[in-house]
Amino acid sequence: MNFWFTIREGFKGFRRARLSTFITISSIVFSHILIGMFLIISINVDSWIGNLRSKLEIEIFLDRTLTDDDGQIIHNKVRKIAGVSNSQYLSKEDAAKRFEEEFGKNVYEILQSNPLPASIIISLQPQFQNAQGAAALTHEFEAIEGVDEVIYQKDLIVIIDNYLEIIYTSGIVTIVLLITITFILLYNTIRVTIYGRRDIIEIMKLVGAKKSFIKRPFLIEGLLQGFLGAAIAATAVYFMVKVIVRTIYPYLLVEPEIYLIIIAMGMLIGYAASKISVQKHLETL
């Protein structure tokens, strides 16, 4: 009996503060659509950046006076350094062949000799595919005797790291702001509902109803508002993704768990806002 009374009273709260309920649910829908799209964008940006970072290579140029045997010894040292995923040793002859492939000219025909140094091309492990990790490895490579120069796309990595940080920071700040606004609206909606039922609450207190029994319908109301708004938002995000995949970008990555996260966040915000509102305003009646 108590259970169905609680559910029924929770739904009645929707009718008692229709305007504030509508505004609150609308804000939940709007904020959670943005949250869902931000999560999807984050997944795809991580994938794009991950692919770009995986192509990052560091090239170590060796002293021109070294023999191939010396170069192989250095190569073995490099391979053992933490952070190195794969490595390829290019002898002086390999360097001459690469020169001819890239420029269409034979170095021996131009200079009658081969001044090109041997080199080692390094692929990095994922945790080192950033400005800090690449710089740390570069210092280690430069400390090896026989290494003449270490080259990598430093400026590109720094740009990627900086812009990625800006994107994520801006997104997180925006989401926190939207959640805060939604929380405040839910909080005030429950407060309005409580004051609209203050006479009934007083009667319930007089007949000995427990505080938990009085509070429960308001908690259910907040939970329902959070669920309804987030469910609408998750549905909207689902269809937005379908449209984007069909018309704009067919390779969009979407994890199914995102829709559950959206709904769970809405319910959590709804419950937390109603609980705090109930704890504060019921005591004043």
Protein backbone atom coordinates (compact mmCIF):
# COMPACT_ATOMS: atom_id res chain seq x y z
CA MET A 1 0.00 0.00 0.00
CA ASN A 2 2.75 2.44 1.02
CA PHE A 3 4.66 1.66 -2.17
CA TRP A 4 1.81 2.52 -4.54
CA PHE A 5 0.91 5.59 -2.48
CA THR A 6 4.49 6.81 -2.84
CA ILE A 7 4.50 6.25 -6.60
CA ARG A 8 1.10 7.90 -7.01
CA GLU A 9 2.10 10.93 -4.98
CA GLY A 10 5.37 11.18 -6.90
CA PHE A 11 3.45 11.44 -10.18
CA LYS A 12 1.02 13.96 -8.68
CA GLY A 13 3.94 16.31 -8.14
CA PHE A 14 4.13 16.71 -11.92
CA ARG A 15 0.66 18.29 -11.93
CA ARG A 16 1.19 20.51 -8.90
CA ALA A 17 4.08 22.44 -10.43
CA ARG A 18 3.51 22.00 -14.14
CA LEU A 19 5.47 24.99 -15.40
CA SER A 20 8.54 24.40 -13.23
CA THR A 21 8.37 20.65 -13.99
CA PHE A 22 8.25 21.35 -17.73
CA ILE A 23 11.19 23.77 -17.51
CA THR A 24 13.17 21.32 -15.40
CA ILE A 25 12.59 18.34 -17.69
CA SER A 26 13.37 20.50 -20.73
CA SER A 27 16.66 21.58 -19.15
CA ILE A 28 17.51 17.95 -18.38
CA VAL A 29 16.81 17.01 -21.99
CA PHE A 30 18.94 19.86 -23.35
CA SER A 31 21.86 19.35 -20.97
CA HIS A 32 21.93 15.57 -21.41
CA ILE A 33 21.80 15.82 -25.20
CA LEU A 34 24.92 17.99 -24.97
CA ILE A 35 26.51 15.56 -22.52
CA GLY A 36 25.77 12.62 -24.81
CA MET A 37 27.15 14.37 -27.88
CA PHE A 38 30.25 15.42 -25.93
CA LEU A 39 30.86 11.80 -24.91
CA ILE A 40 30.48 10.65 -28.51
CA ILE A 41 32.78 13.42 -29.76
CA SER A 42 35.32 12.49 -27.06
CA ILE A 43 35.34 8.84 -28.16
CA ASN A 44 35.86 9.81 -31.79
CA VAL A 45 38.48 12.47 -31.04
CA ASP A 46 40.39 9.92 -28.96
CA SER A 47 40.22 7.49 -31.87
CA TRP A 48 41.38 10.10 -34.41
CA ILE A 49 44.16 11.38 -32.19
CA GLY A 50 45.15 7.81 -31.32
CA ASN A 51 45.53 6.97 -35.01
CA LEU A 52 47.53 10.13 -35.57
CA ARG A 53 49.77 9.51 -32.56
CA SER A 54 50.35 5.89 -33.59
CA LYS A 55 51.99 7.18 -36.76
CA LEU A 56 54.42 9.30 -34.76
CA GLU A 57 58.02 8.27 -35.36
CA ILE A 58 61.35 9.36 -33.96
CA GLU A 59 64.36 9.07 -36.23
CA ILE A 60 67.82 8.69 -34.73
CA PHE A 61 70.70 9.65 -37.03
CA LEU A 62 74.02 8.01 -36.20
CA ASP A 63 77.55 9.35 -36.53
CA ARG A 64 78.69 9.06 -40.17
CA THR A 65 81.97 7.47 -39.14
CA LEU A 66 80.31 4.44 -37.55
CA THR A 67 80.27 1.06 -39.24
CA ASP A 68 77.14 -1.05 -39.67
CA ASP A 69 78.25 -3.25 -36.79
CA ASP A 70 78.47 -0.17 -34.54
CA GLY A 71 75.05 0.90 -35.76
CA GLN A 72 73.53 -2.48 -34.89
CA ILE A 73 74.99 -2.27 -31.38
CA ILE A 74 73.32 1.12 -30.89
CA HIS A 75 70.12 -0.28 -32.37
CA ASN A 76 70.11 -3.05 -29.75
CA LYS A 77 70.53 -0.47 -26.99
CA VAL A 78 67.67 1.62 -28.36
CA ARG A 79 65.31 -1.35 -28.59
CA LYS A 80 65.69 -2.03 -24.86
CA ILE A 81 64.63 1.47 -23.79
CA ALA A 82 61.18 1.63 -22.17
CA GLY A 83 58.71 3.36 -24.46
CA VAL A 84 60.03 1.92 -27.73
CA SER A 85 57.38 -0.14 -29.49
CA ASN A 86 59.10 -1.02 -32.76
CA SER A 87 62.38 -0.02 -34.37
CA GLN A 88 63.97 -0.31 -37.79
CA TYR A 89 67.66 0.06 -38.56
CA LEU A 90 68.54 1.76 -41.85
CA SER A 91 72.13 1.36 -43.00
CA LYS A 92 73.93 3.91 -45.13
CA GLU A 93 72.95 1.90 -48.19
CA ASP A 94 69.29 1.87 -47.08
CA ALA A 95 69.50 5.64 -46.63
CA ALA A 96 70.81 5.98 -50.21
CA LYS A 97 67.91 3.90 -51.54
CA ARG A 98 65.40 5.98 -49.59
CA PHE A 99 66.98 9.16 -50.95
CA GLU A 100 66.54 7.89 -54.49
CA GLU A 101 62.90 6.88 -53.84
CA GLU A 102 62.04 10.28 -52.39
CA PHE A 103 64.01 12.57 -54.72
CA GLY A 104 64.38 10.42 -57.83
CA LYS A 105 68.17 10.86 -57.93
CA ASN A 106 71.03 8.54 -57.09
CA VAL A 107 73.27 10.02 -54.39
CA TYR A 108 76.36 8.37 -55.89
CA GLU A 109 75.73 10.04 -59.23
CA ILE A 110 75.42 13.45 -57.56
CA LEU A 111 78.27 13.30 -55.02
CA GLN A 112 80.30 10.25 -56.14
CA SER A 113 80.03 9.05 -52.55
CA ASN A 114 77.44 8.36 -49.89
CA PRO A 115 77.52 10.95 -47.06
CA LEU A 116 74.12 9.87 -45.72
CA PRO A 117 74.22 8.54 -42.15
CA ALA A 118 72.69 5.33 -40.91
CA SER A 119 69.56 5.84 -38.84
CA ILE A 120 67.06 4.10 -36.60
CA ILE A 121 63.34 4.74 -36.98
CA ILE A 122 61.40 4.36 -33.72
CA SER A 123 57.67 3.75 -33.15
CA LEU A 124 56.47 4.66 -29.65
CA GLN A 125 54.30 2.85 -27.15
CA PRO A 126 50.90 4.58 -26.61
CA GLN A 127 51.82 6.14 -23.24
CA PHE A 128 54.81 7.87 -24.86
CA GLN A 129 52.89 9.22 -27.87
CA ASN A 130 52.71 12.75 -26.49
CA ALA A 131 54.98 15.78 -26.17
CA GLN A 132 56.30 14.87 -22.71
CA GLY A 133 56.92 11.20 -23.53
CA ALA A 134 58.58 11.91 -26.88
CA ALA A 135 60.83 14.56 -25.31
CA ALA A 136 61.87 12.17 -22.51
CA LEU A 137 62.77 9.45 -25.01
CA THR A 138 64.64 11.93 -27.18
CA HIS A 139 66.88 12.84 -24.24
CA GLU A 140 67.61 9.16 -23.63
CA PHE A 141 68.48 8.58 -27.28
CA GLU A 142 70.72 11.65 -27.41
CA ALA A 143 72.68 10.35 -24.41
CA ILE A 144 73.74 7.21 -26.29
CA GLU A 145 77.29 7.39 -27.62
CA GLY A 146 77.35 7.42 -31.41
CA VAL A 147 74.00 9.21 -31.81
CA ASP A 148 74.44 12.38 -33.86
CA GLU A 149 70.89 13.79 -34.02
CA VAL A 150 67.33 12.89 -33.00
CA ILE A 151 64.41 14.24 -35.04
CA TYR A 152 60.63 14.01 -34.57
CA GLN A 153 57.55 16.13 -35.25
CA LYS A 154 57.75 18.07 -32.01
CA ASP A 155 55.63 21.05 -33.05
CA LEU A 156 52.80 18.84 -34.29
CA ILE A 157 52.70 16.84 -31.04
CA VAL A 158 52.64 20.01 -28.93
CA ILE A 159 49.78 21.42 -31.01
CA ILE A 160 47.79 18.17 -30.65
CA ASP A 161 48.32 18.07 -26.88
CA ASN A 162 47.43 21.76 -26.39
CA TYR A 163 44.28 21.72 -28.51
CA LEU A 164 43.13 18.43 -27.01
CA GLU A 165 43.47 19.89 -23.52
CA ILE A 166 41.49 22.99 -24.54
CA ILE A 167 38.72 20.89 -26.07
CA TYR A 168 38.35 18.62 -23.05
CA THR A 169 38.59 21.44 -20.51
CA SER A 170 35.96 23.50 -22.33
CA GLY A 171 33.67 20.49 -22.64
CA ILE A 172 33.97 19.55 -18.96
CA VAL A 173 33.35 23.14 -17.80
CA THR A 174 30.26 23.36 -20.03
CA ILE A 175 28.89 20.04 -18.77
CA VAL A 176 29.46 20.98 -15.12
CA LEU A 177 27.66 24.28 -15.74
CA LEU A 178 24.71 22.53 -17.40
CA ILE A 179 24.47 19.95 -14.61
CA THR A 180 24.56 22.72 -12.00
CA ILE A 181 21.73 24.62 -13.72
CA THR A 182 19.69 21.42 -14.01
CA PHE A 183 20.35 20.60 -10.36
CA ILE A 184 19.15 24.06 -9.25
CA LEU A 185 16.00 23.83 -11.36
CA LEU A 186 15.17 20.39 -9.96
CA TYR A 187 15.90 21.60 -6.45
CA ASN A 188 13.47 24.52 -6.85
CA THR A 189 10.80 22.36 -8.49
CA ILE A 190 10.75 20.01 -5.51
CA ARG A 191 10.70 23.02 -3.17
CA VAL A 192 7.62 24.40 -4.96
CA THR A 193 5.93 21.00 -4.73
CA ILE A 194 6.68 20.78 -1.01
CA TYR A 195 5.16 24.19 -0.30
CA GLY A 196 2.15 23.30 -2.45
CA ARG A 197 1.51 20.30 -0.21
CA ARG A 198 2.38 21.89 3.13
CA ASP A 199 -1.15 21.43 4.55
CA ILE A 200 -1.15 17.71 3.72
CA ILE A 201 2.36 17.38 5.16
CA GLU A 202 1.22 18.98 8.42
CA ILE A 203 -1.69 16.56 8.66
CA MET A 204 0.60 13.61 8.01
CA LYS A 205 2.91 14.79 10.77
CA LEU A 206 0.00 15.11 13.19
CA VAL A 207 -1.18 11.55 12.55
CA GLY A 208 2.32 10.25 13.22
CA ALA A 209 3.65 9.60 9.73
CA LYS A 210 7.39 8.97 9.66
CA LYS A 211 9.69 11.50 8.01
CA SER A 212 10.92 8.86 5.58
CA PHE A 213 7.31 8.21 4.48
CA ILE A 214 6.68 11.95 3.93
CA LYS A 215 9.92 12.44 2.03
CA ARG A 216 9.58 9.44 -0.26
CA PRO A 217 7.10 10.88 -2.82
CA PHE A 218 9.32 13.91 -3.38
CA LEU A 219 12.36 11.72 -3.92
CA ILE A 220 10.36 9.65 -6.40
CA GLU A 221 9.28 12.83 -8.16
CA GLY A 222 12.87 14.02 -8.59
CA LEU A 223 13.94 10.57 -9.73
CA LEU A 224 11.12 10.42 -12.28
CA GLN A 225 11.89 13.88 -13.63
CA GLY A 226 15.56 12.97 -14.00
CA PHE A 227 14.70 9.68 -15.68
CA LEU A 228 12.13 11.16 -18.06
CA GLY A 229 14.37 14.04 -19.16
CA ALA A 230 17.41 11.80 -19.59
CA ALA A 231 15.42 9.12 -21.44
CA ILE A 232 14.15 11.72 -23.92
CA ALA A 233 17.72 13.03 -24.30
CA ALA A 234 19.12 9.52 -24.87
CA THR A 235 16.46 8.88 -27.52
CA ALA A 236 17.25 12.20 -29.22
CA VAL A 237 20.98 11.43 -29.21
CA TYR A 238 20.30 7.99 -30.68
CA PHE A 239 18.40 9.44 -33.65
CA MET A 240 20.91 12.27 -34.07
CA VAL A 241 23.66 9.67 -34.34
CA LYS A 242 21.63 7.75 -36.94
CA VAL A 243 21.23 10.91 -39.04
CA ILE A 244 24.92 11.79 -38.78
CA VAL A 245 25.99 8.26 -39.76
CA ARG A 246 23.65 8.18 -42.75
CA THR A 247 24.21 11.69 -44.09
CA ILE A 248 27.50 13.14 -42.83
CA TYR A 249 30.01 10.72 -41.33
CA PRO A 250 29.41 6.97 -41.66
CA TYR A 251 32.47 6.07 -39.56
CA LEU A 252 31.21 7.68 -36.34
CA LEU A 253 32.10 5.53 -33.32
CA VAL A 254 29.37 5.14 -30.70
CA GLU A 255 29.48 2.97 -27.60
CA PRO A 256 26.00 1.64 -26.63
CA GLU A 257 26.83 2.29 -22.96
CA ILE A 258 26.60 6.04 -23.64
CA TYR A 259 22.78 5.89 -23.64
CA LEU A 260 22.76 4.12 -20.27
CA ILE A 261 25.23 6.69 -18.90
CA ILE A 262 22.93 9.53 -19.99
CA ILE A 263 19.91 7.97 -18.27
CA ALA A 264 21.89 7.08 -15.13
CA MET A 265 23.23 10.64 -14.87
CA GLY A 266 19.73 12.09 -15.18
CA MET A 267 18.36 9.82 -12.46
CA LEU A 268 21.32 10.55 -10.20
CA ILE A 269 20.94 14.32 -10.58
CA GLY A 270 17.18 14.06 -10.04
CA TYR A 271 17.55 12.00 -6.90
CA ALA A 272 20.36 14.12 -5.43
CA ALA A 273 18.56 17.43 -6.08
CA SER A 274 15.28 16.20 -4.63
CA LYS A 275 16.97 14.67 -1.59
CA ILE A 276 18.81 17.87 -0.70
CA SER A 277 15.71 19.97 -1.34
CA VAL A 278 13.54 17.70 0.79
CA GLN A 279 16.02 17.61 3.66
CA LYS A 280 16.20 21.40 3.75
CA HIS A 281 12.61 22.50 3.15
CA LEU A 282 10.62 19.83 4.98
CA GLU A 283 12.27 20.88 8.24
CA THR A 284 10.93 24.44 7.83
CA LEU A 285 7.28 23.35 7.63
